[in-house]
Each structure stands twice: as C-alpha cells, then as structure tokens.
Amino acid sequence: MELLNLHRIVDVTAAEGPGLRCAVWTQGCSVRCPGCFNPQTWTTRGGTLLPWPDLAERVLAIKGVEGVTLLGGEPFDQPEPLGAFASAVRAAGLSVMTFTGRVLEDLPPSKLLEATDLLVDGPFLADRPEPSRPWIGSVNQRFHFLTDRYDESIFATPNRLELRIATDGSVELNGFATTEVLEALLEGDHR
C-alpha cells in the first residue's frame, strides 16, 4: 500500500471549494510556480506519511462535509495513493475537487483524474491575478467539470479566508482573500 505524503488537513472548511469540505494539502510539488501561496509544500521532506485508507477513514467520519478538496503541493505527484483515496471517498458519496499546477491536456490518465469531479488546472501566474472566480489565483487557471456533480453555478460562491487559532496559540490560515474579502473582514462582515 502506498503512503500519502501530506502537508496539512483541515477537517471542515468553507474556503476551499463548493460547500463545506475537508481540505487536504499534499507535500511535494514538481511544478513550483513562482509566487506560489504554499512554497513550504514544494519539498517532499517534512510531510506526514499516512496510508490512504487511514485518511479515508478520517474524512468519512467527519459530519456535514459534501466533499474533499485536494491541493498542494501537487496532488498529481501522488496520483496512485491519492487516486485510491479519492475513489474511496467518492464511493461513499463525497465529491472530489482537485487543484493542479499542470494543465489537463498534459496529465496522464490516472485513478486520481478518474475520481475527480471538479478539476482546477494551470500554473499560478502571480502577474495575472484572478479577481472574480472563486478559489483560484490567476486568470489562466481553468475549471473542468469532469462529472455532473457541479456546474458553473459554483462561480457565485464568494472567496473566503479562514483563520484558526489553536489552544497552543498557533495560527492557521486558509482560503483566498481578495481586496473585497479583506475589506469585509475589517468592517466586521464575517460571511
């Protein structure tokens, strides 16, 4: 059984795709986009190794999520174990959204691609920010509706930024903040 190399897991988030989701960041990225939001995920060192069935068990025990979002790092650097994981959670009724810095046309066939409902592809281009579509960083990135689970109605979802402060004082941030989101937070609108 292949192990997953993971950077971080957020059990429940509204900032990483449609609806409430479990977000899973992989450790290791061969794409390495300049200006990346998560350069700490580039190296394969420092991650947590976990058998994919253990992650599936954890995710399926979470109440109230409609799916899983796989981010990076680069999920397609681990297509076999992530594909097995994604197939298992989809078989249990959850959706799978996957981000990649590659383009769909360059992805080889894989179990991960087969188990993905919604794919966001393309490298992050820091000089071409995306002001209107949710969850993505640059205008070149594309949404691919690989199943009928989602459609373009998801574009009405606003970007969100989530801040978690643990009891030990550590701070975790996830999501994507546009100027509009930051201004709303400063004004006390916590949508």
C-alpha atoms as a PDB file:
ATOM      1  CA  MET A   1       0.000   0.000   0.000  1.00  0.00           C
ATOM      2  CA  GLU A   2       1.356   3.368  -0.956  1.00  0.00           C
ATOM      3  CA  LEU A   3       1.630   6.120   1.598  1.00  0.00           C
ATOM      4  CA  LEU A   4       0.385   9.654   1.107  1.00  0.00           C
ATOM      5  CA  ASN A   5       2.797  12.479   1.864  1.00  0.00           C
ATOM      6  CA  LEU A   6       0.633  15.205   3.394  1.00  0.00           C
ATOM      7  CA  HIS A   7       1.327  18.756   4.485  1.00  0.00           C
ATOM      8  CA  ARG A   8      -1.903  19.688   6.232  1.00  0.00           C
ATOM      9  CA  ILE A   9      -5.536  18.675   6.683  1.00  0.00           C
ATOM     10  CA  VAL A  10      -8.413  20.973   7.583  1.00  0.00           C
ATOM     11  CA  ASP A  11     -11.375  18.804   8.511  1.00  0.00           C
ATOM     12  CA  VAL A  12     -14.096  21.359   7.732  1.00  0.00           C
ATOM     13  CA  THR A  13     -13.705  24.462   5.602  1.00  0.00           C
ATOM     14  CA  ALA A  14     -15.961  26.693   3.514  1.00  0.00           C
ATOM     15  CA  ALA A  15     -12.974  28.350   1.819  1.00  0.00           C
ATOM     16  CA  GLU A  16     -11.563  25.582  -0.381  1.00  0.00           C
ATOM     17  CA  GLY A  17     -14.327  24.716  -2.827  1.00  0.00           C
ATOM     18  CA  PRO A  18     -18.099  24.404  -3.092  1.00  0.00           C
ATOM     19  CA  GLY A  19     -19.956  23.770   0.165  1.00  0.00           C
ATOM     20  CA  LEU A  20     -18.335  22.507   3.342  1.00  0.00           C
ATOM     21  CA  ARG A  21     -15.294  20.398   2.536  1.00  0.00           C
ATOM     22  CA  CYS A  22     -12.331  18.620   4.025  1.00  0.00           C
ATOM     23  CA  ALA A  23      -9.173  20.172   2.554  1.00  0.00           C
ATOM     24  CA  VAL A  24      -6.042  18.062   2.129  1.00  0.00           C
ATOM     25  CA  TRP A  25      -2.731  19.688   1.172  1.00  0.00           C
ATOM     26  CA  THR A  26      -0.118  17.342  -0.244  1.00  0.00           C
ATOM     27  CA  GLN A  27       3.597  17.636   0.477  1.00  0.00           C
ATOM     28  CA  GLY A  28       5.831  17.818  -2.576  1.00  0.00           C
ATOM     29  CA  CYS A  29       5.470  19.818  -5.782  1.00  0.00           C
ATOM     30  CA  SER A  30       7.350  19.382  -9.027  1.00  0.00           C
ATOM     31  CA  VAL A  31       5.617  22.389 -10.634  1.00  0.00           C
ATOM     32  CA  ARG A  32       6.837  25.108  -8.215  1.00  0.00           C
ATOM     33  CA  CYS A  33       5.032  28.171  -9.565  1.00  0.00           C
ATOM     34  CA  PRO A  34       6.858  31.460  -8.845  1.00  0.00           C
ATOM     35  CA  GLY A  35       4.816  33.397  -6.265  1.00  0.00           C
ATOM     36  CA  CYS A  36       3.086  30.219  -5.013  1.00  0.00           C
ATOM     37  CA  PHE A  37       0.844  30.607  -1.928  1.00  0.00           C
ATOM     38  CA  ASN A  38       2.287  27.415  -0.411  1.00  0.00           C
ATOM     39  CA  PRO A  39       6.027  27.202  -1.181  1.00  0.00           C
ATOM     40  CA  GLN A  40       6.510  25.264   2.069  1.00  0.00           C
ATOM     41  CA  THR A  41       4.806  22.333   0.294  1.00  0.00           C
ATOM     42  CA  TRP A  42       7.353  22.115  -2.546  1.00  0.00           C
ATOM     43  CA  THR A  43       9.829  19.791  -0.875  1.00  0.00           C
ATOM     44  CA  THR A  44       8.892  16.172  -0.235  1.00  0.00           C
ATOM     45  CA  ARG A  45      10.586  16.423   3.169  1.00  0.00           C
ATOM     46  CA  GLY A  46       8.686  17.470   6.248  1.00  0.00           C
ATOM     47  CA  GLY A  47       5.326  15.974   5.373  1.00  0.00           C
ATOM     48  CA  THR A  48       3.324  13.420   7.297  1.00  0.00           C
ATOM     49  CA  LEU A  49       3.264   9.942   5.788  1.00  0.00           C
ATOM     50  CA  LEU A  50      -0.152   8.336   6.059  1.00  0.00           C
ATOM     51  CA  PRO A  51      -1.715   5.244   4.462  1.00  0.00           C
ATOM     52  CA  TRP A  52      -4.552   6.375   2.202  1.00  0.00           C
ATOM     53  CA  PRO A  53      -7.150   4.145   3.974  1.00  0.00           C
ATOM     54  CA  ASP A  54      -6.384   5.976   7.240  1.00  0.00           C
ATOM     55  CA  LEU A  55      -7.097   9.318   5.569  1.00  0.00           C
ATOM     56  CA  ALA A  56     -10.298   7.935   4.022  1.00  0.00           C
ATOM     57  CA  GLU A  57     -11.442   6.701   7.430  1.00  0.00           C
ATOM     58  CA  ARG A  58     -10.756  10.114   8.977  1.00  0.00           C
ATOM     59  CA  VAL A  59     -12.582  12.016   6.217  1.00  0.00           C
ATOM     60  CA  LEU A  60     -15.596   9.698   6.184  1.00  0.00           C
ATOM     61  CA  ALA A  61     -16.001  10.206   9.945  1.00  0.00           C
ATOM     62  CA  ILE A  62     -16.381  13.990   9.515  1.00  0.00           C
ATOM     63  CA  LYS A  63     -20.015  15.061   9.732  1.00  0.00           C
ATOM     64  CA  GLY A  64     -21.505  17.656   7.401  1.00  0.00           C
ATOM     65  CA  VAL A  65     -18.957  17.837   4.577  1.00  0.00           C
ATOM     66  CA  GLU A  66     -20.040  17.353   0.988  1.00  0.00           C
ATOM     67  CA  GLY A  67     -16.602  16.635  -0.341  1.00  0.00           C
ATOM     68  CA  VAL A  68     -12.843  16.745  -0.273  1.00  0.00           C
ATOM     69  CA  THR A  69     -10.520  19.263  -1.900  1.00  0.00           C
ATOM     70  CA  LEU A  70      -7.012  18.122  -2.803  1.00  0.00           C
ATOM     71  CA  LEU A  71      -4.442  20.916  -3.002  1.00  0.00           C
ATOM     72  CA  GLY A  72      -0.735  21.200  -2.870  1.00  0.00           C
ATOM     73  CA  GLY A  73       1.916  20.807  -3.217  1.00  0.00           C
ATOM     74  CA  GLU A  74       0.960  18.998  -6.391  1.00  0.00           C
ATOM     75  CA  PRO A  75      -1.656  16.253  -5.969  1.00  0.00           C
ATOM     76  CA  PHE A  76      -0.734  14.685  -9.318  1.00  0.00           C
ATOM     77  CA  ASP A  77       2.767  13.998  -7.987  1.00  0.00           C
ATOM     78  CA  GLN A  78       0.999  11.278  -5.922  1.00  0.00           C
ATOM     79  CA  PRO A  79      -1.668  10.004  -8.356  1.00  0.00           C
ATOM     80  CA  GLU A  80      -1.815   6.384  -7.227  1.00  0.00           C
ATOM     81  CA  PRO A  81      -2.413   6.695  -3.467  1.00  0.00           C
ATOM     82  CA  LEU A  82      -4.488   9.887  -3.889  1.00  0.00           C
ATOM     83  CA  GLY A  83      -6.479   8.142  -6.625  1.00  0.00           C
ATOM     84  CA  ALA A  84      -7.249   5.238  -4.293  1.00  0.00           C
ATOM     85  CA  PHE A  85      -8.248   7.699  -1.555  1.00  0.00           C
ATOM     86  CA  ALA A  86     -10.397   9.803  -3.909  1.00  0.00           C
ATOM     87  CA  SER A  87     -12.130   6.709  -5.293  1.00  0.00           C
ATOM     88  CA  ALA A  88     -12.959   5.539  -1.766  1.00  0.00           C
ATOM     89  CA  VAL A  89     -14.484   8.835  -0.616  1.00  0.00           C
ATOM     90  CA  ARG A  90     -16.427   9.228  -3.882  1.00  0.00           C
ATOM     91  CA  ALA A  91     -17.803   5.698  -3.492  1.00  0.00           C
ATOM     92  CA  ALA A  92     -19.079   6.849  -0.081  1.00  0.00           C
ATOM     93  CA  GLY A  93     -20.922   9.788  -1.681  1.00  0.00           C
ATOM     94  CA  LEU A  94     -18.471  12.670  -1.250  1.00  0.00           C
ATOM     95  CA  SER A  95     -17.322  14.863  -4.122  1.00  0.00           C
ATOM     96  CA  VAL A  96     -13.672  15.366  -5.046  1.00  0.00           C
ATOM     97  CA  MET A  97     -12.169  18.668  -6.181  1.00  0.00           C
ATOM     98  CA  THR A  98      -8.514  18.627  -7.224  1.00  0.00           C
ATOM     99  CA  PHE A  99      -6.138  21.506  -7.937  1.00  0.00           C
ATOM    100  CA  THR A 100      -3.114  21.052 -10.186  1.00  0.00           C
ATOM    101  CA  GLY A 101      -0.415  23.361 -11.492  1.00  0.00           C
ATOM    102  CA  ARG A 102      -0.352  21.333 -14.693  1.00  0.00           C
ATOM    103  CA  VAL A 103      -2.890  21.595 -17.497  1.00  0.00           C
ATOM    104  CA  LEU A 104      -5.434  18.848 -18.118  1.00  0.00           C
ATOM    105  CA  GLU A 105      -4.032  18.119 -21.569  1.00  0.00           C
ATOM    106  CA  ASP A 106      -0.641  17.222 -20.020  1.00  0.00           C
ATOM    107  CA  LEU A 107      -1.975  14.968 -17.252  1.00  0.00           C
ATOM    108  CA  PRO A 108      -1.551  11.274 -17.966  1.00  0.00           C
ATOM    109  CA  PRO A 109      -4.545   9.033 -17.277  1.00  0.00           C
ATOM    110  CA  SER A 110      -4.741   8.181 -13.580  1.00  0.00           C
ATOM    111  CA  LYS A 111      -7.109   6.927 -10.935  1.00  0.00           C
ATOM    112  CA  LEU A 112      -6.933  10.389  -9.354  1.00  0.00           C
ATOM    113  CA  LEU A 113      -8.152  12.072 -12.524  1.00  0.00           C
ATOM    114  CA  GLU A 114     -10.903   9.458 -12.896  1.00  0.00           C
ATOM    115  CA  ALA A 115     -12.063  10.076  -9.308  1.00  0.00           C
ATOM    116  CA  THR A 116     -12.121  13.881  -9.596  1.00  0.00           C
ATOM    117  CA  ASP A 117     -15.466  15.654 -10.051  1.00  0.00           C
ATOM    118  CA  LEU A 118     -14.079  19.181 -10.367  1.00  0.00           C
ATOM    119  CA  LEU A 119     -10.548  19.887 -11.593  1.00  0.00           C
ATOM    120  CA  VAL A 120      -8.837  23.264 -11.436  1.00  0.00           C
ATOM    121  CA  ASP A 121      -5.769  23.291 -13.656  1.00  0.00           C
ATOM    122  CA  GLY A 122      -2.967  25.608 -14.675  1.00  0.00           C
ATOM    123  CA  PRO A 123       0.065  27.101 -13.016  1.00  0.00           C
ATOM    124  CA  PHE A 124      -0.317  30.086 -10.738  1.00  0.00           C
ATOM    125  CA  LEU A 125       0.804  33.256 -12.530  1.00  0.00           C
ATOM    126  CA  ALA A 126       1.486  35.963  -9.957  1.00  0.00           C
ATOM    127  CA  ASP A 127       1.345  38.739 -12.560  1.00  0.00           C
ATOM    128  CA  ARG A 128      -2.153  37.709 -13.760  1.00  0.00           C
ATOM    129  CA  PRO A 129      -4.405  37.697 -10.659  1.00  0.00           C
ATOM    130  CA  GLU A 130      -7.999  36.436 -10.911  1.00  0.00           C
ATOM    131  CA  PRO A 131     -10.449  38.988  -9.494  1.00  0.00           C
ATOM    132  CA  SER A 132     -13.796  37.243  -9.973  1.00  0.00           C
ATOM    133  CA  ARG A 133     -13.864  33.422  -9.922  1.00  0.00           C
ATOM    134  CA  PRO A 134     -13.610  31.764  -6.518  1.00  0.00           C
ATOM    135  CA  TRP A 135     -10.728  29.671  -5.163  1.00  0.00           C
ATOM    136  CA  ILE A 136      -8.186  30.328  -7.903  1.00  0.00           C
ATOM    137  CA  GLY A 137      -5.261  32.711  -8.022  1.00  0.00           C
ATOM    138  CA  SER A 138      -4.711  33.620 -11.672  1.00  0.00           C
ATOM    139  CA  VAL A 139      -6.816  34.167 -14.805  1.00  0.00           C
ATOM    140  CA  ASN A 140      -5.226  31.312 -16.768  1.00  0.00           C
ATOM    141  CA  GLN A 141      -6.479  28.667 -14.344  1.00  0.00           C
ATOM    142  CA  ARG A 142      -9.439  26.674 -15.631  1.00  0.00           C
ATOM    143  CA  PHE A 143     -12.331  24.776 -14.102  1.00  0.00           C
ATOM    144  CA  HIS A 144     -13.122  21.382 -15.632  1.00  0.00           C
ATOM    145  CA  PHE A 145     -16.457  19.823 -14.690  1.00  0.00           C
ATOM    146  CA  LEU A 146     -15.486  16.176 -15.102  1.00  0.00           C
ATOM    147  CA  THR A 147     -18.797  14.827 -13.796  1.00  0.00           C
ATOM    148  CA  ASP A 148     -22.269  16.330 -13.482  1.00  0.00           C
ATOM    149  CA  ARG A 149     -21.791  16.923  -9.740  1.00  0.00           C
ATOM    150  CA  TYR A 150     -21.064  20.644 -10.231  1.00  0.00           C
ATOM    151  CA  ASP A 151     -21.679  23.285 -12.873  1.00  0.00           C
ATOM    152  CA  GLU A 152     -20.958  26.973 -13.427  1.00  0.00           C
ATOM    153  CA  SER A 153     -23.379  27.967 -10.652  1.00  0.00           C
ATOM    154  CA  ILE A 154     -20.448  27.467  -8.243  1.00  0.00           C
ATOM    155  CA  PHE A 155     -18.914  30.677  -9.570  1.00  0.00           C
ATOM    156  CA  ALA A 156     -21.443  32.625  -7.463  1.00  0.00           C
ATOM    157  CA  THR A 157     -19.658  31.400  -4.318  1.00  0.00           C
ATOM    158  CA  PRO A 158     -17.582  34.170  -2.739  1.00  0.00           C
ATOM    159  CA  ASN A 159     -13.937  33.733  -1.835  1.00  0.00           C
ATOM    160  CA  ARG A 160     -13.393  33.217   1.863  1.00  0.00           C
ATOM    161  CA  LEU A 161     -10.476  33.480   4.218  1.00  0.00           C
ATOM    162  CA  GLU A 162     -10.429  31.369   7.374  1.00  0.00           C
ATOM    163  CA  LEU A 163      -8.275  31.955  10.421  1.00  0.00           C
ATOM    164  CA  ARG A 164      -7.921  29.344  13.157  1.00  0.00           C
ATOM    165  CA  ILE A 165      -6.185  29.956  16.459  1.00  0.00           C
ATOM    166  CA  ALA A 166      -5.372  26.780  18.379  1.00  0.00           C
ATOM    167  CA  THR A 167      -5.263  26.487  22.143  1.00  0.00           C
ATOM    168  CA  ASP A 168      -1.452  26.455  21.945  1.00  0.00           C
ATOM    169  CA  GLY A 169      -1.549  29.848  20.200  1.00  0.00           C
ATOM    170  CA  SER A 170      -0.601  28.573  16.766  1.00  0.00           C
ATOM    171  CA  VAL A 171      -2.355  30.267  13.865  1.00  0.00           C
ATOM    172  CA  GLU A 172      -3.556  28.612  10.655  1.00  0.00           C
ATOM    173  CA  LEU A 173      -4.861  30.499   7.655  1.00  0.00           C
ATOM    174  CA  ASN A 174      -6.528  29.100   4.572  1.00  0.00           C
ATOM    175  CA  GLY A 175      -8.632  30.332   1.706  1.00  0.00           C
ATOM    176  CA  PHE A 176      -8.122  33.135  -0.739  1.00  0.00           C
ATOM    177  CA  ALA A 177      -8.519  36.775   0.153  1.00  0.00           C
ATOM    178  CA  THR A 178      -9.464  39.334  -2.435  1.00  0.00           C
ATOM    179  CA  THR A 179      -9.488  43.001  -1.537  1.00  0.00           C
ATOM    180  CA  GLU A 180     -13.292  42.735  -1.171  1.00  0.00           C
ATOM    181  CA  VAL A 181     -12.988  39.883   1.361  1.00  0.00           C
ATOM    182  CA  LEU A 182     -10.301  41.672   3.378  1.00  0.00           C
ATOM    183  CA  GLU A 183     -12.351  44.894   3.465  1.00  0.00           C
ATOM    184  CA  ALA A 184     -15.434  42.944   4.592  1.00  0.00           C
ATOM    185  CA  LEU A 185     -13.434  41.323   7.404  1.00  0.00           C
ATOM    186  CA  LEU A 186     -12.118  44.698   8.528  1.00  0.00           C
ATOM    187  CA  GLU A 187     -15.668  46.070   8.537  1.00  0.00           C
ATOM    188  CA  GLY A 188     -16.932  43.123  10.597  1.00  0.00           C
ATOM    189  CA  ASP A 189     -18.834  41.281   7.827  1.00  0.00           C
ATOM    190  CA  HIS A 190     -17.837  37.668   8.555  1.00  0.00           C
ATOM    191  CA  ARG A 191     -19.602  35.978   5.663  1.00  0.00           C
END
